[in-house]
Amino acid sequence: MTVIAGYTNGEDYAIAADSIVTEGDYWYLDGPKVWRRGPFLIGAAGSYRECVTASQCPSGEPEALCEFMEENVKKKSDFVLLVVARGNIWVIDRDFIPVVHDHWWAIGTGAPAALGALYYSYRFESLEPEYVVHRAVDAAIALHVSVRGPVVVLSNET
């Protein structure tokens, strides 16, 4: 199970993820759920196979990522991608159409807790994006049994 949280204040931006991968009754810590392609920060939730496929796309640009996924995964696949860049957040799922969100969003089974934390944090303009997404994933870890640390954070500055 997964949580991926993204946040941008218009200039700076960050993405964070938990580290647990589950398969049936088993869980393990595995490769990153978030990665960088140029100025784009990308996170994946859902089917592990599709998440690995998404990480192999040479571009982070949302439209190119949609084309790559449409060519390489089945239409009924279970995956969601979160793409964060300066001032923009997109969500891409199995319909291969990027949906734009303003300033913050979260995906995965831990998303409800993370969205609450992001909503609350957005009111405080002075908070750094890295701090905001880390706290959002922390909230999901605290409230969802299938979301676990350590938290992985990427930003436009790291």
Foldseek 3Di string as FASTA:
>chain_A
DKKKKKFALQAKIKIKMFFWDDDVPDIDGDDDQWDDAVQKIKGKDADPVLSVQLVPQNHLPLLSSLVSSVVPDDLPGFMWMWIDGRQWIWIAGSVSDTDTDGGIAMDDPLGVQLVVQLVVCVVPSPDDNQVSNCVSLVRSCVPPPRGHHDMDMDMSVD
